[in-house]
Each structure stands twice: as C-alpha cells, then as structure tokens.
Amino acid sequence: VRYMVKICGPQREVLDAIRAVDGVLHAEISSEREKDSFTYHVESEHS
C-alpha cells in the first residue's frame, strides 16, 4: 500500500522519522511543497 502524506516539519528529520515507523517499508520525499509542508510517498505492507 502506498500513501501520499503532507507533513509540516523539517524535511530530512521528518523523512527519517517516517522511515522509523513500524510497518513502513519505504519512504521518499517528493519535490512538491505547499507553504511549510512537504510531500512524502510512503509504502507499507498490504496486510
């Protein structure tokens, strides 16, 4: 399962925190930005 997530926070630190979340298999930063939020693409197991 893949999600598009917009989060307000320091870009690199947010990405590291997402990757440390239980169940997350992969996460990457998108080039898309809206004001103080960045877009991330996050993948988890289908189950």
ModelCIF file with pLDDT and N, C-alpha, C, O atoms, coordinates in Angstrom:
data_MODEL
#
_entry.id   MODEL 
#
_entity.id                         1 
_entity.type                       polymer 
_entity.pdbx_number_of_molecules   1 
#
_entity_poly.entity_id                      1 
_entity_poly.type                           'polypeptide(L)' 
_entity_poly.nstd_linkage                   no 
_entity_poly.nstd_monomer                   no 
_entity_poly.pdbx_seq_one_letter_code       VRYMVKICGPQREVLDAIRAVDGVLHAEISSEREKDSFTYHVESEHS 
_entity_poly.pdbx_seq_one_letter_code_can   VRYMVKICGPQREVLDAIRAVDGVLHAEISSEREKDSFTYHVESEHS 
_entity_poly.pdbx_strand_id                 A 
#
loop_
_entity_poly_seq.entity_id 
_entity_poly_seq.num 
_entity_poly_seq.mon_id 
_entity_poly_seq.hetero 
1 1  VAL n 
1 2  ARG n 
1 3  TYR n 
1 4  MET n 
1 5  VAL n 
1 6  LYS n 
1 7  ILE n 
1 8  CYS n 
1 9  GLY n 
1 10 PRO n 
1 11 GLN n 
1 12 ARG n 
1 13 GLU n 
1 14 VAL n 
1 15 LEU n 
1 16 ASP n 
1 17 ALA n 
1 18 ILE n 
1 19 ARG n 
1 20 ALA n 
1 21 VAL n 
1 22 ASP n 
1 23 GLY n 
1 24 VAL n 
1 25 LEU n 
1 26 HIS n 
1 27 ALA n 
1 28 GLU n 
1 29 ILE n 
1 30 SER n 
1 31 SER n 
1 32 GLU n 
1 33 ARG n 
1 34 GLU n 
1 35 LYS n 
1 36 ASP n 
1 37 SER n 
1 38 PHE n 
1 39 THR n 
1 40 TYR n 
1 41 HIS n 
1 42 VAL n 
1 43 GLU n 
1 44 SER n 
1 45 GLU n 
1 46 HIS n 
1 47 SER n 
#
_struct_asym.id          A 
_struct_asym.entity_id   1 
#
loop_
_ma_qa_metric.id 
_ma_qa_metric.mode 
_ma_qa_metric.name 
_ma_qa_metric.software_group_id 
_ma_qa_metric.type 
1 global pLDDT . pLDDT 
2 local  pLDDT . pLDDT 
#
_ma_qa_metric_global.metric_id      1 
_ma_qa_metric_global.metric_value   89.85 
_ma_qa_metric_global.model_id       1 
_ma_qa_metric_global.ordinal_id     1 
#
loop_
_ma_qa_metric_local.label_asym_id 
_ma_qa_metric_local.label_comp_id 
_ma_qa_metric_local.label_seq_id 
_ma_qa_metric_local.metric_id 
_ma_qa_metric_local.metric_value 
_ma_qa_metric_local.model_id 
_ma_qa_metric_local.ordinal_id 
A VAL 1  2 81.00 1 1  
A ARG 2  2 85.00 1 2  
A TYR 3  2 90.00 1 3  
A MET 4  2 93.00 1 4  
A VAL 5  2 95.00 1 5  
A LYS 6  2 95.00 1 6  
A ILE 7  2 96.00 1 7  
A CYS 8  2 95.00 1 8  
A GLY 9  2 93.00 1 9  
A PRO 10 2 93.00 1 10 
A GLN 11 2 93.00 1 11 
A ARG 12 2 93.00 1 12 
A GLU 13 2 95.00 1 13 
A VAL 14 2 96.00 1 14 
A LEU 15 2 95.00 1 15 
A ASP 16 2 96.00 1 16 
A ALA 17 2 96.00 1 17 
A ILE 18 2 96.00 1 18 
A ARG 19 2 95.00 1 19 
A ALA 20 2 95.00 1 20 
A VAL 21 2 94.00 1 21 
A ASP 22 2 92.00 1 22 
A GLY 23 2 90.00 1 23 
A VAL 24 2 93.00 1 24 
A LEU 25 2 92.00 1 25 
A HIS 26 2 92.00 1 26 
A ALA 27 2 93.00 1 27 
A GLU 28 2 93.00 1 28 
A ILE 29 2 93.00 1 29 
A SER 30 2 87.00 1 30 
A SER 31 2 78.00 1 31 
A GLU 32 2 77.00 1 32 
A ARG 33 2 80.00 1 33 
A GLU 34 2 80.00 1 34 
A LYS 35 2 79.00 1 35 
A ASP 36 2 85.00 1 36 
A SER 37 2 91.00 1 37 
A PHE 38 2 94.00 1 38 
A THR 39 2 95.00 1 39 
A TYR 40 2 95.00 1 40 
A HIS 41 2 93.00 1 41 
A VAL 42 2 94.00 1 42 
A GLU 43 2 91.00 1 43 
A SER 44 2 88.00 1 44 
A GLU 45 2 78.00 1 45 
A HIS 46 2 71.00 1 46 
A SER 47 2 69.00 1 47 
#
loop_
_atom_site.group_PDB 
_atom_site.id 
_atom_site.type_symbol 
_atom_site.label_atom_id 
_atom_site.label_alt_id 
_atom_site.label_comp_id 
_atom_site.label_asym_id 
_atom_site.label_entity_id 
_atom_site.label_seq_id 
_atom_site.pdbx_PDB_ins_code 
_atom_site.Cartn_x 
_atom_site.Cartn_y 
_atom_site.Cartn_z 
_atom_site.occupancy 
_atom_site.B_iso_or_equiv 
_atom_site.pdbx_formal_charge 
_atom_site.auth_seq_id 
_atom_site.auth_comp_id 
_atom_site.auth_asym_id 
_atom_site.auth_atom_id 
_atom_site.pdbx_PDB_model_num 
ATOM 1   N N  . VAL A 1 1  ? 0.842  -1.191 0.000  1.00 81.00 ? 1  VAL A N  1 
ATOM 2   C CA . VAL A 1 1  ? 0.000  0.000  0.000  1.00 81.00 ? 1  VAL A CA 1 
ATOM 3   C C  . VAL A 1 1  ? 0.878  1.242  0.000  1.00 81.00 ? 1  VAL A C  1 
ATOM 4   O O  . VAL A 1 1  ? 1.847  1.328  0.755  1.00 81.00 ? 1  VAL A O  1 
ATOM 5   N N  . ARG A 1 2  ? 0.533  2.208  -0.855 1.00 85.00 ? 2  ARG A N  1 
ATOM 6   C CA . ARG A 1 2  ? 1.302  3.452  -0.951 1.00 85.00 ? 2  ARG A CA 1 
ATOM 7   C C  . ARG A 1 2  ? 0.420  4.644  -0.575 1.00 85.00 ? 2  ARG A C  1 
ATOM 8   O O  . ARG A 1 2  ? -0.744 4.726  -0.966 1.00 85.00 ? 2  ARG A O  1 
ATOM 9   N N  . TYR A 1 3  ? 1.003  5.557  0.189  1.00 90.00 ? 3  TYR A N  1 
ATOM 10  C CA . TYR A 1 3  ? 0.279  6.750  0.618  1.00 90.00 ? 3  TYR A CA 1 
ATOM 11  C C  . TYR A 1 3  ? 1.055  7.998  0.219  1.00 90.00 ? 3  TYR A C  1 
ATOM 12  O O  . TYR A 1 3  ? 2.285  8.010  0.187  1.00 90.00 ? 3  TYR A O  1 
ATOM 13  N N  . MET A 1 4  ? 0.300  9.037  -0.082 1.00 93.00 ? 4  MET A N  1 
ATOM 14  C CA . MET A 1 4  ? 0.866  10.372 -0.240 1.00 93.00 ? 4  MET A CA 1 
ATOM 15  C C  . MET A 1 4  ? 0.543  11.129 1.042  1.00 93.00 ? 4  MET A C  1 
ATOM 16  O O  . MET A 1 4  ? -0.623 11.257 1.416  1.00 93.00 ? 4  MET A O  1 
ATOM 17  N N  . VAL A 1 5  ? 1.592  11.637 1.724  1.00 95.00 ? 5  VAL A N  1 
ATOM 18  C CA . VAL A 1 5  ? 1.403  12.297 3.015  1.00 95.00 ? 5  VAL A CA 1 
ATOM 19  C C  . VAL A 1 5  ? 2.064  13.669 2.980  1.00 95.00 ? 5  VAL A C  1 
ATOM 20  O O  . VAL A 1 5  ? 3.207  13.812 2.545  1.00 95.00 ? 5  VAL A O  1 
ATOM 21  N N  . LYS A 1 6  ? 1.322  14.682 3.448  1.00 95.00 ? 6  LYS A N  1 
ATOM 22  C CA . LYS A 1 6  ? 1.871  16.033 3.576  1.00 95.00 ? 6  LYS A CA 1 
ATOM 23  C C  . LYS A 1 6  ? 2.055  16.343 5.053  1.00 95.00 ? 6  LYS A C  1 
ATOM 24  O O  . LYS A 1 6  ? 1.110  16.257 5.838  1.00 95.00 ? 6  LYS A O  1 
ATOM 25  N N  . ILE A 1 7  ? 3.286  16.708 5.427  1.00 96.00 ? 7  ILE A N  1 
ATOM 26  C CA . ILE A 1 7  ? 3.624  16.915 6.834  1.00 96.00 ? 7  ILE A CA 1 
ATOM 27  C C  . ILE A 1 7  ? 4.391  18.219 6.987  1.00 96.00 ? 7  ILE A C  1 
ATOM 28  O O  . ILE A 1 7  ? 5.271  18.530 6.184  1.00 96.00 ? 7  ILE A O  1 
ATOM 29  N N  . CYS A 1 8  ? 4.053  18.975 8.017  1.00 95.00 ? 8  CYS A N  1 
ATOM 30  C CA . CYS A 1 8  ? 4.777  20.206 8.347  1.00 95.00 ? 8  CYS A CA 1 
ATOM 31  C C  . CYS A 1 8  ? 5.900  19.858 9.317  1.00 95.00 ? 8  CYS A C  1 
ATOM 32  O O  . CYS A 1 8  ? 5.662  19.276 10.376 1.00 95.00 ? 8  CYS A O  1 
ATOM 33  N N  . GLY A 1 9  ? 7.117  20.218 8.946  1.00 93.00 ? 9  GLY A N  1 
ATOM 34  C CA . GLY A 1 9  ? 8.258  19.924 9.801  1.00 93.00 ? 9  GLY A CA 1 
ATOM 35  C C  . GLY A 1 9  ? 9.539  19.929 8.998  1.00 93.00 ? 9  GLY A C  1 
ATOM 36  O O  . GLY A 1 9  ? 9.507  20.032 7.772  1.00 93.00 ? 9  GLY A O  1 
ATOM 37  N N  . PRO A 1 10 ? 10.681 19.818 9.686  1.00 93.00 ? 10 PRO A N  1 
ATOM 38  C CA . PRO A 1 10 ? 11.973 19.803 8.982  1.00 93.00 ? 10 PRO A CA 1 
ATOM 39  C C  . PRO A 1 10 ? 12.081 18.581 8.076  1.00 93.00 ? 10 PRO A C  1 
ATOM 40  O O  . PRO A 1 10 ? 11.959 17.442 8.526  1.00 93.00 ? 10 PRO A O  1 
ATOM 41  N N  . GLN A 1 11 ? 12.307 18.838 6.814  1.00 93.00 ? 11 GLN A N  1 
ATOM 42  C CA . GLN A 1 11 ? 12.169 17.814 5.783  1.00 93.00 ? 11 GLN A CA 1 
ATOM 43  C C  . GLN A 1 11 ? 12.962 16.537 6.064  1.00 93.00 ? 11 GLN A C  1 
ATOM 44  O O  . GLN A 1 11 ? 12.391 15.446 6.071  1.00 93.00 ? 11 GLN A O  1 
ATOM 45  N N  . ARG A 1 12 ? 14.244 16.660 6.289  1.00 93.00 ? 12 ARG A N  1 
ATOM 46  C CA . ARG A 1 12 ? 15.088 15.491 6.466  1.00 93.00 ? 12 ARG A CA 1 
ATOM 47  C C  . ARG A 1 12 ? 14.755 14.732 7.752  1.00 93.00 ? 12 ARG A C  1 
ATOM 48  O O  . ARG A 1 12 ? 14.749 13.501 7.771  1.00 93.00 ? 12 ARG A O  1 
ATOM 49  N N  . GLU A 1 13 ? 14.478 15.481 8.828  1.00 95.00 ? 13 GLU A N  1 
ATOM 50  C CA . GLU A 1 13 ? 14.140 14.825 10.095 1.00 95.00 ? 13 GLU A CA 1 
ATOM 51  C C  . GLU A 1 13 ? 12.800 14.090 9.999  1.00 95.00 ? 13 GLU A C  1 
ATOM 52  O O  . GLU A 1 13 ? 12.637 12.999 10.544 1.00 95.00 ? 13 GLU A O  1 
ATOM 53  N N  . VAL A 1 14 ? 11.854 14.704 9.303  1.00 96.00 ? 14 VAL A N  1 
ATOM 54  C CA . VAL A 1 14 ? 10.553 14.057 9.112  1.00 96.00 ? 14 VAL A CA 1 
ATOM 55  C C  . VAL A 1 14 ? 10.720 12.757 8.345  1.00 96.00 ? 14 VAL A C  1 
ATOM 56  O O  . VAL A 1 14 ? 10.133 11.738 8.709  1.00 96.00 ? 14 VAL A O  1 
ATOM 57  N N  . LEU A 1 15 ? 11.520 12.787 7.281  1.00 95.00 ? 15 LEU A N  1 
ATOM 58  C CA . LEU A 1 15 ? 11.739 11.590 6.471  1.00 95.00 ? 15 LEU A CA 1 
ATOM 59  C C  . LEU A 1 15 ? 12.347 10.472 7.309  1.00 95.00 ? 15 LEU A C  1 
ATOM 60  O O  . LEU A 1 15 ? 11.920 9.321  7.218  1.00 95.00 ? 15 LEU A O  1 
ATOM 61  N N  . ASP A 1 16 ? 13.354 10.813 8.132  1.00 96.00 ? 16 ASP A N  1 
ATOM 62  C CA . ASP A 1 16 ? 13.977 9.790  8.983  1.00 96.00 ? 16 ASP A CA 1 
ATOM 63  C C  . ASP A 1 16 ? 12.971 9.212  9.973  1.00 96.00 ? 16 ASP A C  1 
ATOM 64  O O  . ASP A 1 16 ? 12.979 8.012  10.250 1.00 96.00 ? 16 ASP A O  1 
ATOM 65  N N  . ALA A 1 17 ? 12.098 10.081 10.508 1.00 96.00 ? 17 ALA A N  1 
ATOM 66  C CA . ALA A 1 17 ? 11.098 9.627  11.475 1.00 96.00 ? 17 ALA A CA 1 
ATOM 67  C C  . ALA A 1 17 ? 10.059 8.712  10.812 1.00 96.00 ? 17 ALA A C  1 
ATOM 68  O O  . ALA A 1 17 ? 9.613  7.728  11.402 1.00 96.00 ? 17 ALA A O  1 
ATOM 69  N N  . ILE A 1 18 ? 9.686  9.056  9.578  1.00 96.00 ? 18 ILE A N  1 
ATOM 70  C CA . ILE A 1 18 ? 8.732  8.208  8.852  1.00 96.00 ? 18 ILE A CA 1 
ATOM 71  C C  . ILE A 1 18 ? 9.328  6.826  8.625  1.00 96.00 ? 18 ILE A C  1 
ATOM 72  O O  . ILE A 1 18 ? 8.656  5.815  8.825  1.00 96.00 ? 18 ILE A O  1 
ATOM 73  N N  . ARG A 1 19 ? 10.575 6.784  8.212  1.00 95.00 ? 19 ARG A N  1 
ATOM 74  C CA . ARG A 1 19 ? 11.227 5.501  7.926  1.00 95.00 ? 19 ARG A CA 1 
ATOM 75  C C  . ARG A 1 19 ? 11.357 4.628  9.169  1.00 95.00 ? 19 ARG A C  1 
ATOM 76  O O  . ARG A 1 19 ? 11.480 3.407  9.065  1.00 95.00 ? 19 ARG A O  1 
ATOM 77  N N  . ALA A 1 20 ? 11.329 5.259  10.353 1.00 95.00 ? 20 ALA A N  1 
ATOM 78  C CA . ALA A 1 20 ? 11.452 4.507  11.600 1.00 95.00 ? 20 ALA A CA 1 
ATOM 79  C C  . ALA A 1 20 ? 10.104 3.990  12.120 1.00 95.00 ? 20 ALA A C  1 
ATOM 80  O O  . ALA A 1 20 ? 10.063 3.238  13.093 1.00 95.00 ? 20 ALA A O  1 
ATOM 81  N N  . VAL A 1 21 ? 9.010  4.390  11.476 1.00 94.00 ? 21 VAL A N  1 
ATOM 82  C CA . VAL A 1 21 ? 7.675  3.979  11.925 1.00 94.00 ? 21 VAL A CA 1 
ATOM 83  C C  . VAL A 1 21 ? 7.456  2.494  11.642 1.00 94.00 ? 21 VAL A C  1 
ATOM 84  O O  . VAL A 1 21 ? 7.791  1.997  10.567 1.00 94.00 ? 21 VAL A O  1 
ATOM 85  N N  . ASP A 1 22 ? 6.894  1.803  12.618 1.00 92.00 ? 22 ASP A N  1 
ATOM 86  C CA . ASP A 1 22 ? 6.607  0.378  12.462 1.00 92.00 ? 22 ASP A CA 1 
ATOM 87  C C  . ASP A 1 22 ? 5.633  0.160  11.311 1.00 92.00 ? 22 ASP A C  1 
ATOM 88  O O  . ASP A 1 22 ? 4.568  0.777  11.271 1.00 92.00 ? 22 ASP A O  1 
ATOM 89  N N  . GLY A 1 23 ? 5.988  -0.704 10.387 1.00 90.00 ? 23 GLY A N  1 
ATOM 90  C CA . GLY A 1 23 ? 5.129  -1.018 9.251  1.00 90.00 ? 23 GLY A CA 1 
ATOM 91  C C  . GLY A 1 23 ? 5.527  -0.324 7.960  1.00 90.00 ? 23 GLY A C  1 
ATOM 92  O O  . GLY A 1 23 ? 5.073  -0.718 6.886  1.00 90.00 ? 23 GLY A O  1 
ATOM 93  N N  . VAL A 1 24 ? 6.371  0.707  8.041  1.00 93.00 ? 24 VAL A N  1 
ATOM 94  C CA . VAL A 1 24 ? 6.805  1.427  6.838  1.00 93.00 ? 24 VAL A CA 1 
ATOM 95  C C  . VAL A 1 24 ? 7.938  0.656  6.166  1.00 93.00 ? 24 VAL A C  1 
ATOM 96  O O  . VAL A 1 24 ? 8.949  0.344  6.796  1.00 93.00 ? 24 VAL A O  1 
ATOM 97  N N  . LEU A 1 25 ? 7.757  0.353  4.884  1.00 92.00 ? 25 LEU A N  1 
ATOM 98  C CA . LEU A 1 25 ? 8.779  -0.357 4.127  1.00 92.00 ? 25 LEU A CA 1 
ATOM 99  C C  . LEU A 1 25 ? 9.704  0.595  3.378  1.00 92.00 ? 25 LEU A C  1 
ATOM 100 O O  . LEU A 1 25 ? 10.898 0.336  3.226  1.00 92.00 ? 25 LEU A O  1 
ATOM 101 N N  . HIS A 1 26 ? 9.124  1.709  2.912  1.00 92.00 ? 26 HIS A N  1 
ATOM 102 C CA . HIS A 1 26 ? 9.903  2.643  2.093  1.00 92.00 ? 26 HIS A CA 1 
ATOM 103 C C  . HIS A 1 26 ? 9.279  4.027  2.181  1.00 92.00 ? 26 HIS A C  1 
ATOM 104 O O  . HIS A 1 26 ? 8.056  4.152  2.260  1.00 92.00 ? 26 HIS A O  1 
ATOM 105 N N  . ALA A 1 27 ? 10.089 5.049  2.170  1.00 93.00 ? 27 ALA A N  1 
ATOM 106 C CA . ALA A 1 27 ? 9.585  6.431  2.165  1.00 93.00 ? 27 ALA A CA 1 
ATOM 107 C C  . ALA A 1 27 ? 10.557 7.313  1.401  1.00 93.00 ? 27 ALA A C  1 
ATOM 108 O O  . ALA A 1 27 ? 11.774 7.146  1.482  1.00 93.00 ? 27 ALA A O  1 
ATOM 109 N N  . GLU A 1 28 ? 9.991  8.256  0.657  1.00 93.00 ? 28 GLU A N  1 
ATOM 110 C CA . GLU A 1 28 ? 10.828 9.194  -0.087 1.00 93.00 ? 28 GLU A CA 1 
ATOM 111 C C  . GLU A 1 28 ? 10.157 10.556 -0.126 1.00 93.00 ? 28 GLU A C  1 
ATOM 112 O O  . GLU A 1 28 ? 8.943  10.672 0.043  1.00 93.00 ? 28 GLU A O  1 
ATOM 113 N N  . ILE A 1 29 ? 10.963 11.580 -0.352 1.00 93.00 ? 29 ILE A N  1 
ATOM 114 C CA . ILE A 1 29 ? 10.464 12.957 -0.405 1.00 93.00 ? 29 ILE A CA 1 
ATOM 115 C C  . ILE A 1 29 ? 10.077 13.294 -1.833 1.00 93.00 ? 29 ILE A C  1 
ATOM 116 O O  . ILE A 1 29 ? 10.803 12.974 -2.775 1.00 93.00 ? 29 ILE A O  1 
ATOM 117 N N  . SER A 1 30 ? 8.936  13.937 -1.990 1.00 87.00 ? 30 SER A N  1 
ATOM 118 C CA . SER A 1 30 ? 8.523  14.445 -3.299 1.00 87.00 ? 30 SER A CA 1 
ATOM 119 C C  . SER A 1 30 ? 9.041  15.863 -3.462 1.00 87.00 ? 30 SER A C  1 
ATOM 120 O O  . SER A 1 30 ? 9.369  16.532 -2.482 1.00 87.00 ? 30 SER A O  1 
ATOM 121 N N  . SER A 1 31 ? 9.111  16.313 -4.696 1.00 78.00 ? 31 SER A N  1 
ATOM 122 C CA . SER A 1 31 ? 9.543  17.694 -4.958 1.00 78.00 ? 31 SER A CA 1 
ATOM 123 C C  . SER A 1 31 ? 8.434  18.689 -4.654 1.00 78.00 ? 31 SER A C  1 
ATOM 124 O O  . SER A 1 31 ? 8.663  19.898 -4.629 1.00 78.00 ? 31 SER A O  1 
ATOM 125 N N  . GLU A 1 32 ? 7.237  18.176 -4.423 1.00 77.00 ? 32 GLU A N  1 
ATOM 126 C CA . GLU A 1 32 ? 6.085  19.045 -4.178 1.00 77.00 ? 32 GLU A CA 1 
ATOM 127 C C  . GLU A 1 32 ? 6.163  19.662 -2.785 1.00 77.00 ? 32 GLU A C  1 
ATOM 128 O O  . GLU A 1 32 ? 6.459  18.981 -1.803 1.00 77.00 ? 32 GLU A O  1 
ATOM 129 N N  . ARG A 1 33 ? 5.891  20.967 -2.719 1.00 80.00 ? 33 ARG A N  1 
ATOM 130 C CA . ARG A 1 33 ? 5.897  21.672 -1.434 1.00 80.00 ? 33 ARG A CA 1 
ATOM 131 C C  . ARG A 1 33 ? 4.736  22.651 -1.412 1.00 80.00 ? 33 ARG A C  1 
ATOM 132 O O  . ARG A 1 33 ? 4.436  23.302 -2.413 1.00 80.00 ? 33 ARG A O  1 
ATOM 133 N N  . GLU A 1 34 ? 4.083  22.749 -0.254 1.00 80.00 ? 34 GLU A N  1 
ATOM 134 C CA . GLU A 1 34 ? 2.967  23.674 -0.091 1.00 80.00 ? 34 GLU A CA 1 
ATOM 135 C C  . GLU A 1 34 ? 3.156  24.435 1.213  1.00 80.00 ? 34 GLU A C  1 
ATOM 136 O O  . GLU A 1 34 ? 2.963  23.890 2.300  1.00 80.00 ? 34 GLU A O  1 
ATOM 137 N N  . LYS A 1 35 ? 3.537  25.705 1.089  1.00 79.00 ? 35 LYS A N  1 
ATOM 138 C CA . LYS A 1 35 ? 3.836  26.549 2.249  1.00 79.00 ? 35 LYS A CA 1 
ATOM 139 C C  . LYS A 1 35 ? 4.884  25.863 3.126  1.00 79.00 ? 35 LYS A C  1 
ATOM 140 O O  . LYS A 1 35 ? 6.021  25.681 2.691  1.00 79.00 ? 35 LYS A O  1 
ATOM 141 N N  . ASP A 1 36 ? 4.517  25.477 4.367  1.00 85.00 ? 36 ASP A N  1 
ATOM 142 C CA . ASP A 1 36 ? 5.511  24.883 5.267  1.00 85.00 ? 36 ASP A CA 1 
ATOM 143 C C  . ASP A 1 36 ? 5.397  23.358 5.341  1.00 85.00 ? 36 ASP A C  1 
ATOM 144 O O  . ASP A 1 36 ? 5.961  22.736 6.241  1.00 85.00 ? 36 ASP A O  1 
ATOM 145 N N  . SER A 1 37 ? 4.672  22.757 4.399  1.00 91.00 ? 37 SER A N  1 
ATOM 146 C CA . SER A 1 37 ? 4.555  21.302 4.416  1.00 91.00 ? 37 SER A CA 1 
ATOM 147 C C  . SER A 1 37 ? 5.262  20.700 3.210  1.00 91.00 ? 37 SER A C  1 
ATOM 148 O O  . SER A 1 37 ? 5.313  21.296 2.134  1.00 91.00 ? 37 SER A O  1 
ATOM 149 N N  . PHE A 1 38 ? 5.808  19.497 3.415  1.00 94.00 ? 38 PHE A N  1 
ATOM 150 C CA . PHE A 1 38 ? 6.452  18.752 2.346  1.00 94.00 ? 38 PHE A CA 1 
ATOM 151 C C  . PHE A 1 38 ? 5.649  17.480 2.082  1.00 94.00 ? 38 PHE A C  1 
ATOM 152 O O  . PHE A 1 38 ? 4.952  16.971 2.959  1.00 94.00 ? 38 PHE A O  1 
ATOM 153 N N  . THR A 1 39 ? 5.765  16.982 0.857  1.00 95.00 ? 39 THR A N  1 
ATOM 154 C CA . THR A 1 39 ? 5.034  15.777 0.471  1.00 95.00 ? 39 THR A CA 1 
ATOM 155 C C  . THR A 1 39 ? 5.966  14.571 0.493  1.00 95.00 ? 39 THR A C  1 
ATOM 156 O O  . THR A 1 39 ? 7.099  14.634 0.015  1.00 95.00 ? 39 THR A O  1 
ATOM 157 N N  . TYR A 1 40 ? 5.469  13.472 1.055  1.00 95.00 ? 40 TYR A N  1 
ATOM 158 C CA . TYR A 1 40 ? 6.243  12.237 1.160  1.00 95.00 ? 40 TYR A CA 1 
ATOM 159 C C  . TYR A 1 40 ? 5.414  11.082 0.576  1.00 95.00 ? 40 TYR A C  1 
ATOM 160 O O  . TYR A 1 40 ? 4.191  11.049 0.709  1.00 95.00 ? 40 TYR A O  1 
ATOM 161 N N  . HIS A 1 41 ? 6.097  10.158 -0.059 1.00 93.00 ? 41 HIS A N  1 
ATOM 162 C CA . HIS A 1 41 ? 5.448  8.952  -0.559 1.00 93.00 ? 41 HIS A CA 1 
ATOM 163 C C  . HIS A 1 41 ? 5.907  7.796  0.327  1.00 93.00 ? 41 HIS A C  1 
ATOM 164 O O  . HIS A 1 41 ? 7.097  7.497  0.428  1.00 93.00 ? 41 HIS A O  1 
ATOM 165 N N  . VAL A 1 42 ? 4.924  7.154  0.967  1.00 94.00 ? 42 VAL A N  1 
ATOM 166 C CA . VAL A 1 42 ? 5.213  6.148  1.990  1.00 94.00 ? 42 VAL A CA 1 
ATOM 167 C C  . VAL A 1 42 ? 4.575  4.822  1.575  1.00 94.00 ? 42 VAL A C  1 
ATOM 168 O O  . VAL A 1 42 ? 3.425  4.780  1.138  1.00 94.00 ? 42 VAL A O  1 
ATOM 169 N N  . GLU A 1 43 ? 5.342  3.745  1.721  1.00 91.00 ? 43 GLU A N  1 
ATOM 170 C CA . GLU A 1 43 ? 4.863  2.417  1.327  1.00 91.00 ? 43 GLU A CA 1 
ATOM 171 C C  . GLU A 1 43 ? 4.878  1.477  2.528  1.00 91.00 ? 43 GLU A C  1 
ATOM 172 O O  . GLU A 1 43 ? 5.839  1.448  3.297  1.00 91.00 ? 43 GLU A O  1 
ATOM 173 N N  . SER A 1 44 ? 3.797  0.707  2.680  1.00 88.00 ? 44 SER A N  1 
ATOM 174 C CA . SER A 1 44 ? 3.728  -0.273 3.758  1.00 88.00 ? 44 SER A CA 1 
ATOM 175 C C  . SER A 1 44 ? 3.223  -1.596 3.207  1.00 88.00 ? 44 SER A C  1 
ATOM 176 O O  . SER A 1 44 ? 2.738  -1.664 2.077  1.00 88.00 ? 44 SER A O  1 
ATOM 177 N N  . GLU A 1 45 ? 3.339  -2.643 4.010  1.00 78.00 ? 45 GLU A N  1 
ATOM 178 C CA . GLU A 1 45 ? 2.857  -3.953 3.585  1.00 78.00 ? 45 GLU A CA 1 
ATOM 179 C C  . GLU A 1 45 ? 1.349  -3.922 3.393  1.00 78.00 ? 45 GLU A C  1 
ATOM 180 O O  . GLU A 1 45 ? 0.639  -3.233 4.125  1.00 78.00 ? 45 GLU A O  1 
ATOM 181 N N  . HIS A 1 46 ? 0.854  -4.676 2.396  1.00 71.00 ? 46 HIS A N  1 
ATOM 182 C CA . HIS A 1 46 ? -0.571 -4.647 2.072  1.00 71.00 ? 46 HIS A CA 1 
ATOM 183 C C  . HIS A 1 46 ? -1.437 -5.143 3.222  1.00 71.00 ? 46 HIS A C  1 
ATOM 184 O O  . HIS A 1 46 ? -2.605 -4.765 3.324  1.00 71.00 ? 46 HIS A O  1 
ATOM 185 N N  . SER A 1 47 ? -0.879 -5.986 4.090  1.00 69.00 ? 47 SER A N  1 
ATOM 186 C CA . SER A 1 47 ? -1.662 -6.564 5.188  1.00 69.00 ? 47 SER A CA 1 
ATOM 187 C C  . SER A 1 47 ? -1.551 -5.769 6.484  1.00 69.00 ? 47 SER A C  1 
ATOM 188 O O  . SER A 1 47 ? -2.157 -6.139 7.489  1.00 69.00 ? 47 SER A O  1 
#
